[in-house]
């Protein structure tokens, strides 16, 4: 099992799963959930190595590293990831 943290709160998620529901339950805002609007843009402060590679939607959005991601598009491979809203 993996863990997603926002501030000091955490949600446990399955390894290999999306972090979308966990982030949403921890207060990260979402709108389209398709990787287009950017409302779920997060700064990854810890555990960026525990997220999968950027997908086509994130690349099309203009992202090029693992420290800023679209939470609706991220999958966690395992371990812990700490994020905060980029807004």
PDB file of N, CA and C in Angstrom:
ATOM      1  N   UNK A   1       0.831  -1.186   0.000  1.00  0.00           N
ATOM      2  CA  UNK A   1       0.000   0.000   0.000  1.00  0.00           C
ATOM      3  C   UNK A   1       0.880   1.256   0.000  1.00  0.00           C
ATOM      4  N   UNK A   2       0.369   2.278  -0.637  1.00  0.00           N
ATOM      5  CA  UNK A   2       1.059   3.564  -0.732  1.00  0.00           C
ATOM      6  C   UNK A   2       0.274   4.604   0.062  1.00  0.00           C
ATOM      7  N   UNK A   3       0.904   5.745   0.314  1.00  0.00           N
ATOM      8  CA  UNK A   3       0.263   6.820   1.073  1.00  0.00           C
ATOM      9  C   UNK A   3       0.400   8.139   0.334  1.00  0.00           C
ATOM     10  N   UNK A   4      -0.702   8.893   0.295  1.00  0.00           N
ATOM     11  CA  UNK A   4      -0.707  10.243  -0.256  1.00  0.00           C
ATOM     12  C   UNK A   4      -0.966  11.192   0.901  1.00  0.00           C
ATOM     13  N   UNK A   5      -0.086  12.190   1.042  1.00  0.00           N
ATOM     14  CA  UNK A   5      -0.184  13.175   2.120  1.00  0.00           C
ATOM     15  C   UNK A   5      -0.466  14.560   1.547  1.00  0.00           C
ATOM     16  N   UNK A   6      -1.345  15.286   2.212  1.00  0.00           N
ATOM     17  CA  UNK A   6      -1.538  16.718   2.000  1.00  0.00           C
ATOM     18  C   UNK A   6      -1.496  17.304   3.404  1.00  0.00           C
ATOM     19  N   UNK A   7      -0.522  18.173   3.640  1.00  0.00           N
ATOM     20  CA  UNK A   7      -0.229  18.657   4.989  1.00  0.00           C
ATOM     21  C   UNK A   7       0.077  17.437   5.857  1.00  0.00           C
ATOM     22  N   UNK A   8      -0.579  17.289   6.962  1.00  0.00           N
ATOM     23  CA  UNK A   8      -0.317  16.147   7.845  1.00  0.00           C
ATOM     24  C   UNK A   8      -1.348  15.036   7.696  1.00  0.00           C
ATOM     25  N   UNK A   9      -2.321  15.224   6.813  1.00  0.00           N
ATOM     26  CA  UNK A   9      -3.349  14.213   6.592  1.00  0.00           C
ATOM     27  C   UNK A   9      -2.886  13.245   5.518  1.00  0.00           C
ATOM     28  N   UNK A  10      -3.290  11.986   5.635  1.00  0.00           N
ATOM     29  CA  UNK A  10      -2.909  11.004   4.625  1.00  0.00           C
ATOM     30  C   UNK A  10      -4.075  10.106   4.273  1.00  0.00           C
ATOM     31  N   UNK A  11      -3.986   9.572   3.049  1.00  0.00           N
ATOM     32  CA  UNK A  11      -4.930   8.563   2.578  1.00  0.00           C
ATOM     33  C   UNK A  11      -4.104   7.423   2.006  1.00  0.00           C
ATOM     34  N   UNK A  12      -4.457   6.219   2.367  1.00  0.00           N
ATOM     35  CA  UNK A  12      -3.780   5.035   1.863  1.00  0.00           C
ATOM     36  C   UNK A  12      -4.412   4.620   0.537  1.00  0.00           C
ATOM     37  N   UNK A  13      -3.579   4.293  -0.431  1.00  0.00           N
ATOM     38  CA  UNK A  13      -4.061   3.874  -1.753  1.00  0.00           C
ATOM     39  C   UNK A  13      -3.295   2.631  -2.201  1.00  0.00           C
ATOM     40  N   UNK A  14      -3.883   1.904  -3.129  1.00  0.00           N
ATOM     41  CA  UNK A  14      -3.241   0.727  -3.685  1.00  0.00           C
ATOM     42  C   UNK A  14      -2.028   1.121  -4.526  1.00  0.00           C
ATOM     43  N   UNK A  15      -0.955   0.355  -4.439  1.00  0.00           N
ATOM     44  CA  UNK A  15       0.180   0.565  -5.325  1.00  0.00           C
ATOM     45  C   UNK A  15      -0.300   0.466  -6.773  1.00  0.00           C
ATOM     46  N   UNK A  16       0.165   1.375  -7.629  1.00  0.00           N
ATOM     47  CA  UNK A  16      -0.202   1.361  -9.044  1.00  0.00           C
ATOM     48  C   UNK A  16      -1.503   2.074  -9.357  1.00  0.00           C
ATOM     49  N   UNK A  17      -2.140   2.663  -8.346  1.00  0.00           N
ATOM     50  CA  UNK A  17      -3.435   3.314  -8.577  1.00  0.00           C
ATOM     51  C   UNK A  17      -3.292   4.819  -8.754  1.00  0.00           C
ATOM     52  N   UNK A  18      -4.354   5.433  -9.212  1.00  0.00           N
ATOM     53  CA  UNK A  18      -4.418   6.884  -9.371  1.00  0.00           C
ATOM     54  C   UNK A  18      -4.443   7.543  -7.997  1.00  0.00           C
ATOM     55  N   UNK A  19      -3.874   8.746  -7.909  1.00  0.00           N
ATOM     56  CA  UNK A  19      -3.927   9.496  -6.647  1.00  0.00           C
ATOM     57  C   UNK A  19      -5.101  10.474  -6.631  1.00  0.00           C
ATOM     58  N   UNK A  20      -5.905  10.481  -7.670  1.00  0.00           N
ATOM     59  CA  UNK A  20      -6.990  11.456  -7.805  1.00  0.00           C
ATOM     60  C   UNK A  20      -7.949  11.444  -6.620  1.00  0.00           C
ATOM     61  N   UNK A  21      -8.532  10.313  -6.293  1.00  0.00           N
ATOM     62  CA  UNK A  21      -9.522  10.262  -5.207  1.00  0.00           C
ATOM     63  C   UNK A  21      -8.903  10.648  -3.873  1.00  0.00           C
ATOM     64  N   UNK A  22      -7.678  10.188  -3.625  1.00  0.00           N
ATOM     65  CA  UNK A  22      -7.009  10.525  -2.373  1.00  0.00           C
ATOM     66  C   UNK A  22      -6.799  12.030  -2.276  1.00  0.00           C
ATOM     67  N   UNK A  23      -6.291  12.635  -3.337  1.00  0.00           N
ATOM     68  CA  UNK A  23      -6.052  14.081  -3.324  1.00  0.00           C
ATOM     69  C   UNK A  23      -7.349  14.859  -3.168  1.00  0.00           C
ATOM     70  N   UNK A  24      -8.377  14.418  -3.849  1.00  0.00           N
ATOM     71  CA  UNK A  24      -9.670  15.106  -3.754  1.00  0.00           C
ATOM     72  C   UNK A  24     -10.206  15.050  -2.323  1.00  0.00           C
ATOM     73  N   UNK A  25     -10.081  13.884  -1.692  1.00  0.00           N
ATOM     74  CA  UNK A  25     -10.581  13.756  -0.317  1.00  0.00           C
ATOM     75  C   UNK A  25      -9.741  14.570   0.670  1.00  0.00           C
ATOM     76  N   UNK A  26      -8.514  14.918   0.279  1.00  0.00           N
ATOM     77  CA  UNK A  26      -7.631  15.710   1.134  1.00  0.00           C
ATOM     78  C   UNK A  26      -7.667  17.199   0.800  1.00  0.00           C
ATOM     79  N   UNK A  27      -8.611  17.610  -0.072  1.00  0.00           N
ATOM     80  CA  UNK A  27      -8.838  19.020  -0.316  1.00  0.00           C
ATOM     81  C   UNK A  27      -8.224  19.622  -1.559  1.00  0.00           C
ATOM     82  N   UNK A  28      -7.559  18.834  -2.389  1.00  0.00           N
ATOM     83  CA  UNK A  28      -7.034  19.360  -3.652  1.00  0.00           C
ATOM     84  C   UNK A  28      -8.228  19.589  -4.583  1.00  0.00           C
ATOM     85  N   UNK A  29      -8.347  20.767  -5.194  1.00  0.00           N
ATOM     86  CA  UNK A  29      -9.496  21.035  -6.069  1.00  0.00           C
ATOM     87  C   UNK A  29      -9.387  20.303  -7.410  1.00  0.00           C
ATOM     88  N   UNK A  30     -10.511  19.878  -7.913  1.00  0.00           N
ATOM     89  CA  UNK A  30     -10.599  19.209  -9.216  1.00  0.00           C
ATOM     90  C   UNK A  30     -11.744  19.811 -10.001  1.00  0.00           C
ATOM     91  N   UNK A  31     -11.620  19.760 -11.323  1.00  0.00           N
ATOM     92  CA  UNK A  31     -12.707  20.203 -12.178  1.00  0.00           C
ATOM     93  C   UNK A  31     -12.943  19.155 -13.271  1.00  0.00           C
ATOM     94  N   UNK A  32     -12.183  19.207 -14.349  1.00  0.00           N
ATOM     95  CA  UNK A  32     -12.459  18.327 -15.489  1.00  0.00           C
ATOM     96  C   UNK A  32     -12.054  16.877 -15.265  1.00  0.00           C
ATOM     97  N   UNK A  33     -11.020  16.632 -14.487  1.00  0.00           N
ATOM     98  CA  UNK A  33     -10.475  15.298 -14.206  1.00  0.00           C
ATOM     99  C   UNK A  33      -9.975  14.592 -15.466  1.00  0.00           C
ATOM    100  N   UNK A  34      -9.683  15.365 -16.497  1.00  0.00           N
ATOM    101  CA  UNK A  34      -9.219  14.811 -17.774  1.00  0.00           C
ATOM    102  C   UNK A  34      -7.821  15.298 -18.147  1.00  0.00           C
ATOM    103  N   UNK A  35      -7.196  16.126 -17.322  1.00  0.00           N
ATOM    104  CA  UNK A  35      -5.862  16.627 -17.621  1.00  0.00           C
ATOM    105  C   UNK A  35      -5.840  17.831 -18.529  1.00  0.00           C
ATOM    106  N   UNK A  36      -6.960  18.552 -18.607  1.00  0.00           N
ATOM    107  CA  UNK A  36      -7.058  19.699 -19.511  1.00  0.00           C
ATOM    108  C   UNK A  36      -7.074  21.024 -18.756  1.00  0.00           C
ATOM    109  N   UNK A  37      -7.836  21.121 -17.677  1.00  0.00           N
ATOM    110  CA  UNK A  37      -8.072  22.419 -17.029  1.00  0.00           C
ATOM    111  C   UNK A  37      -6.945  22.864 -16.110  1.00  0.00           C
ATOM    112  N   UNK A  38      -6.239  21.939 -15.477  1.00  0.00           N
ATOM    113  CA  UNK A  38      -5.154  22.290 -14.579  1.00  0.00           C
ATOM    114  C   UNK A  38      -5.565  22.644 -13.167  1.00  0.00           C
ATOM    115  N   UNK A  39      -6.837  22.502 -12.822  1.00  0.00           N
ATOM    116  CA  UNK A  39      -7.266  22.871 -11.466  1.00  0.00           C
ATOM    117  C   UNK A  39      -6.626  21.992 -10.393  1.00  0.00           C
ATOM    118  N   UNK A  40      -6.197  20.799 -10.756  1.00  0.00           N
ATOM    119  CA  UNK A  40      -5.615  19.867  -9.792  1.00  0.00           C
ATOM    120  C   UNK A  40      -4.082  19.872  -9.823  1.00  0.00           C
ATOM    121  N   UNK A  41      -3.497  20.919 -10.360  1.00  0.00           N
ATOM    122  CA  UNK A  41      -2.045  21.031 -10.413  1.00  0.00           C
ATOM    123  C   UNK A  41      -1.484  21.006  -8.996  1.00  0.00           C
ATOM    124  N   UNK A  42      -0.521  20.120  -8.749  1.00  0.00           N
ATOM    125  CA  UNK A  42       0.068  19.992  -7.419  1.00  0.00           C
ATOM    126  C   UNK A  42       1.586  20.098  -7.479  1.00  0.00           C
ATOM    127  N   UNK A  43       2.140  20.628  -6.407  1.00  0.00           N
ATOM    128  CA  UNK A  43       3.581  20.577  -6.179  1.00  0.00           C
ATOM    129  C   UNK A  43       3.862  19.302  -5.399  1.00  0.00           C
ATOM    130  N   UNK A  44       4.788  18.509  -5.874  1.00  0.00           N
ATOM    131  CA  UNK A  44       5.173  17.285  -5.181  1.00  0.00           C
ATOM    132  C   UNK A  44       6.388  17.627  -4.326  1.00  0.00           C
ATOM    133  N   UNK A  45       6.188  17.724  -3.012  1.00  0.00           N
ATOM    134  CA  UNK A  45       7.271  18.137  -2.128  1.00  0.00           C
ATOM    135  C   UNK A  45       8.122  16.970  -1.655  1.00  0.00           C
ATOM    136  N   UNK A  46       7.556  15.779  -1.658  1.00  0.00           N
ATOM    137  CA  UNK A  46       8.300  14.579  -1.269  1.00  0.00           C
ATOM    138  C   UNK A  46       7.757  13.389  -2.048  1.00  0.00           C
ATOM    139  N   UNK A  47       8.640  12.498  -2.428  1.00  0.00           N
ATOM    140  CA  UNK A  47       8.226  11.244  -3.034  1.00  0.00           C
ATOM    141  C   UNK A  47       7.946  11.283  -4.522  1.00  0.00           C
ATOM    142  N   UNK A  48       8.451  12.275  -5.237  1.00  0.00           N
ATOM    143  CA  UNK A  48       8.214  12.354  -6.686  1.00  0.00           C
ATOM    144  C   UNK A  48       8.659  11.083  -7.396  1.00  0.00           C
ATOM    145  N   UNK A  49       9.688  10.432  -6.856  1.00  0.00           N
ATOM    146  CA  UNK A  49      10.184   9.190  -7.452  1.00  0.00           C
ATOM    147  C   UNK A  49       9.188   8.042  -7.318  1.00  0.00           C
ATOM    148  N   UNK A  50       8.173   8.216  -6.469  1.00  0.00           N
ATOM    149  CA  UNK A  50       7.152   7.180  -6.271  1.00  0.00           C
ATOM    150  C   UNK A  50       5.951   7.336  -7.204  1.00  0.00           C
ATOM    151  N   UNK A  51       6.009   8.345  -8.075  1.00  0.00           N
ATOM    152  CA  UNK A  51       4.946   8.539  -9.065  1.00  0.00           C
ATOM    153  C   UNK A  51       5.412   8.025 -10.415  1.00  0.00           C
ATOM    154  N   UNK A  52       4.465   7.533 -11.211  1.00  0.00           N
ATOM    155  CA  UNK A  52       4.783   7.075 -12.552  1.00  0.00           C
ATOM    156  C   UNK A  52       5.264   8.226 -13.423  1.00  0.00           C
ATOM    157  N   UNK A  53       5.696   7.889 -14.611  1.00  0.00           N
ATOM    158  CA  UNK A  53       6.167   8.894 -15.565  1.00  0.00           C
ATOM    159  C   UNK A  53       5.021   9.808 -15.988  1.00  0.00           C
ATOM    160  N   UNK A  54       5.367  11.011 -16.442  1.00  0.00           N
ATOM    161  CA  UNK A  54       4.356  11.915 -16.989  1.00  0.00           C
ATOM    162  C   UNK A  54       3.644  11.216 -18.149  1.00  0.00           C
ATOM    163  N   UNK A  55       2.334  11.418 -18.232  1.00  0.00           N
ATOM    164  CA  UNK A  55       1.588  10.832 -19.342  1.00  0.00           C
ATOM    165  C   UNK A  55       1.378  11.887 -20.433  1.00  0.00           C
ATOM    166  N   UNK A  56       0.718  11.495 -21.506  1.00  0.00           N
ATOM    167  CA  UNK A  56       0.529  12.390 -22.651  1.00  0.00           C
ATOM    168  C   UNK A  56      -0.224  13.664 -22.281  1.00  0.00           C
ATOM    169  N   UNK A  57      -1.220  13.564 -21.389  1.00  0.00           N
ATOM    170  CA  UNK A  57      -1.989  14.738 -20.987  1.00  0.00           C
ATOM    171  C   UNK A  57      -1.110  15.733 -20.239  1.00  0.00           C
ATOM    172  N   UNK A  58      -0.254  15.236 -19.357  1.00  0.00           N
ATOM    173  CA  UNK A  58       0.628  16.129 -18.606  1.00  0.00           C
ATOM    174  C   UNK A  58       1.661  16.786 -19.523  1.00  0.00           C
ATOM    175  N   UNK A  59       2.174  16.045 -20.459  1.00  0.00           N
ATOM    176  CA  UNK A  59       3.134  16.602 -21.421  1.00  0.00           C
ATOM    177  C   UNK A  59       2.453  17.661 -22.280  1.00  0.00           C
ATOM    178  N   UNK A  60       1.226  17.379 -22.745  1.00  0.00           N
ATOM    179  CA  UNK A  60       0.479  18.348 -23.547  1.00  0.00           C
ATOM    180  C   UNK A  60       0.164  19.604 -22.739  1.00  0.00           C
ATOM    181  N   UNK A  61       0.014  19.465 -21.430  1.00  0.00           N
ATOM    182  CA  UNK A  61      -0.247  20.600 -20.549  1.00  0.00           C
ATOM    183  C   UNK A  61       1.007  21.461 -20.390  1.00  0.00           C
ATOM    184  N   UNK A  62       2.161  20.918 -20.746  1.00  0.00           N
ATOM    185  CA  UNK A  62       3.416  21.665 -20.675  1.00  0.00           C
ATOM    186  C   UNK A  62       4.316  21.288 -19.519  1.00  0.00           C
ATOM    187  N   UNK A  63       3.975  20.223 -18.810  1.00  0.00           N
ATOM    188  CA  UNK A  63       4.809  19.785 -17.693  1.00  0.00           C
ATOM    189  C   UNK A  63       6.007  19.012 -18.222  1.00  0.00           C
ATOM    190  N   UNK A  64       7.134  19.139 -17.532  1.00  0.00           N
ATOM    191  CA  UNK A  64       8.326  18.451 -18.025  1.00  0.00           C
ATOM    192  C   UNK A  64       9.172  17.827 -16.921  1.00  0.00           C
ATOM    193  N   UNK A  65       8.665  17.780 -15.711  1.00  0.00           N
ATOM    194  CA  UNK A  65       9.405  17.173 -14.607  1.00  0.00           C
ATOM    195  C   UNK A  65       8.455  16.500 -13.648  1.00  0.00           C
ATOM    196  N   UNK A  66       8.994  15.934 -12.589  1.00  0.00           N
ATOM    197  CA  UNK A  66       8.157  15.200 -11.649  1.00  0.00           C
ATOM    198  C   UNK A  66       7.791  16.000 -10.401  1.00  0.00           C
ATOM    199  N   UNK A  67       8.197  17.281 -10.324  1.00  0.00           N
ATOM    200  CA  UNK A  67       7.902  18.069  -9.129  1.00  0.00           C
ATOM    201  C   UNK A  67       6.582  18.820  -9.209  1.00  0.00           C
ATOM    202  N   UNK A  68       6.048  18.999 -10.392  1.00  0.00           N
ATOM    203  CA  UNK A  68       4.732  19.609 -10.586  1.00  0.00           C
ATOM    204  C   UNK A  68       3.946  18.665 -11.477  1.00  0.00           C
ATOM    205  N   UNK A  69       2.786  18.246 -10.985  1.00  0.00           N
ATOM    206  CA  UNK A  69       2.003  17.227 -11.699  1.00  0.00           C
ATOM    207  C   UNK A  69       0.518  17.577 -11.697  1.00  0.00           C
ATOM    208  N   UNK A  70      -0.219  16.923 -12.571  1.00  0.00           N
ATOM    209  CA  UNK A  70      -1.681  16.981 -12.553  1.00  0.00           C
ATOM    210  C   UNK A  70      -2.156  15.792 -11.728  1.00  0.00           C
ATOM    211  N   UNK A  71      -2.760  16.066 -10.579  1.00  0.00           N
ATOM    212  CA  UNK A  71      -3.161  14.987  -9.679  1.00  0.00           C
ATOM    213  C   UNK A  71      -4.159  14.032 -10.319  1.00  0.00           C
ATOM    214  N   UNK A  72      -4.946  14.515 -11.261  1.00  0.00           N
ATOM    215  CA  UNK A  72      -5.928  13.645 -11.916  1.00  0.00           C
ATOM    216  C   UNK A  72      -5.261  12.630 -12.843  1.00  0.00           C
ATOM    217  N   UNK A  73      -3.999  12.829 -13.169  1.00  0.00           N
ATOM    218  CA  UNK A  73      -3.307  11.958 -14.112  1.00  0.00           C
ATOM    219  C   UNK A  73      -2.238  11.075 -13.474  1.00  0.00           C
ATOM    220  N   UNK A  74      -1.876  11.326 -12.231  1.00  0.00           N
ATOM    221  CA  UNK A  74      -0.774  10.609 -11.581  1.00  0.00           C
ATOM    222  C   UNK A  74      -1.177   9.241 -11.065  1.00  0.00           C
ATOM    223  N   UNK A  75      -0.251   8.316 -11.215  1.00  0.00           N
ATOM    224  CA  UNK A  75      -0.374   7.008 -10.573  1.00  0.00           C
ATOM    225  C   UNK A  75       0.814   6.852  -9.635  1.00  0.00           C
ATOM    226  N   UNK A  76       0.535   6.289  -8.465  1.00  0.00           N
ATOM    227  CA  UNK A  76       1.583   6.075  -7.475  1.00  0.00           C
ATOM    228  C   UNK A  76       2.073   4.638  -7.585  1.00  0.00           C
ATOM    229  N   UNK A  77       3.375   4.463  -7.641  1.00  0.00           N
ATOM    230  CA  UNK A  77       3.934   3.122  -7.791  1.00  0.00           C
ATOM    231  C   UNK A  77       4.080   2.422  -6.450  1.00  0.00           C
ATOM    232  N   UNK A  78       4.162   3.191  -5.382  1.00  0.00           N
ATOM    233  CA  UNK A  78       4.317   2.659  -4.036  1.00  0.00           C
ATOM    234  C   UNK A  78       4.949   3.717  -3.160  1.00  0.00           C
ATOM    235  N   UNK A  79       5.081   3.442  -1.880  1.00  0.00           N
ATOM    236  CA  UNK A  79       5.720   4.394  -0.979  1.00  0.00           C
ATOM    237  C   UNK A  79       4.833   5.562  -0.621  1.00  0.00           C
ATOM    238  N   UNK A  80       5.465   6.675  -0.296  1.00  0.00           N
ATOM    239  CA  UNK A  80       4.765   7.872   0.146  1.00  0.00           C
ATOM    240  C   UNK A  80       4.974   9.016  -0.833  1.00  0.00           C
ATOM    241  N   UNK A  81       3.922   9.826  -0.999  1.00  0.00           N
ATOM    242  CA  UNK A  81       3.995  11.024  -1.820  1.00  0.00           C
ATOM    243  C   UNK A  81       3.307  12.147  -1.047  1.00  0.00           C
ATOM    244  N   UNK A  82       3.995  13.290  -0.943  1.00  0.00           N
ATOM    245  CA  UNK A  82       3.418  14.446  -0.266  1.00  0.00           C
ATOM    246  C   UNK A  82       3.221  15.540  -1.311  1.00  0.00           C
ATOM    247  N   UNK A  83       1.980  16.052  -1.403  1.00  0.00           N
ATOM    248  CA  UNK A  83       1.650  17.073  -2.385  1.00  0.00           C
ATOM    249  C   UNK A  83       0.949  18.246  -1.725  1.00  0.00           C
ATOM    250  N   UNK A  84       0.937  19.366  -2.435  1.00  0.00           N
ATOM    251  CA  UNK A  84       0.153  20.533  -2.023  1.00  0.00           C
ATOM    252  C   UNK A  84      -0.350  21.198  -3.283  1.00  0.00           C
ATOM    253  N   UNK A  85      -1.481  21.849  -3.178  1.00  0.00           N
ATOM    254  CA  UNK A  85      -2.036  22.549  -4.340  1.00  0.00           C
ATOM    255  C   UNK A  85      -1.034  23.566  -4.842  1.00  0.00           C
ATOM    256  N   UNK A  86      -0.901  23.661  -6.150  1.00  0.00           N
ATOM    257  CA  UNK A  86       0.022  24.618  -6.744  1.00  0.00           C
ATOM    258  C   UNK A  86      -0.573  26.025  -6.774  1.00  0.00           C
ATOM    259  N   UNK A  87      -1.799  26.168  -6.339  1.00  0.00           N
ATOM    260  CA  UNK A  87      -2.473  27.479  -6.353  1.00  0.00           C
ATOM    261  C   UNK A  87      -2.606  28.069  -4.993  1.00  0.00           C
TER     262      UNK A  87
END
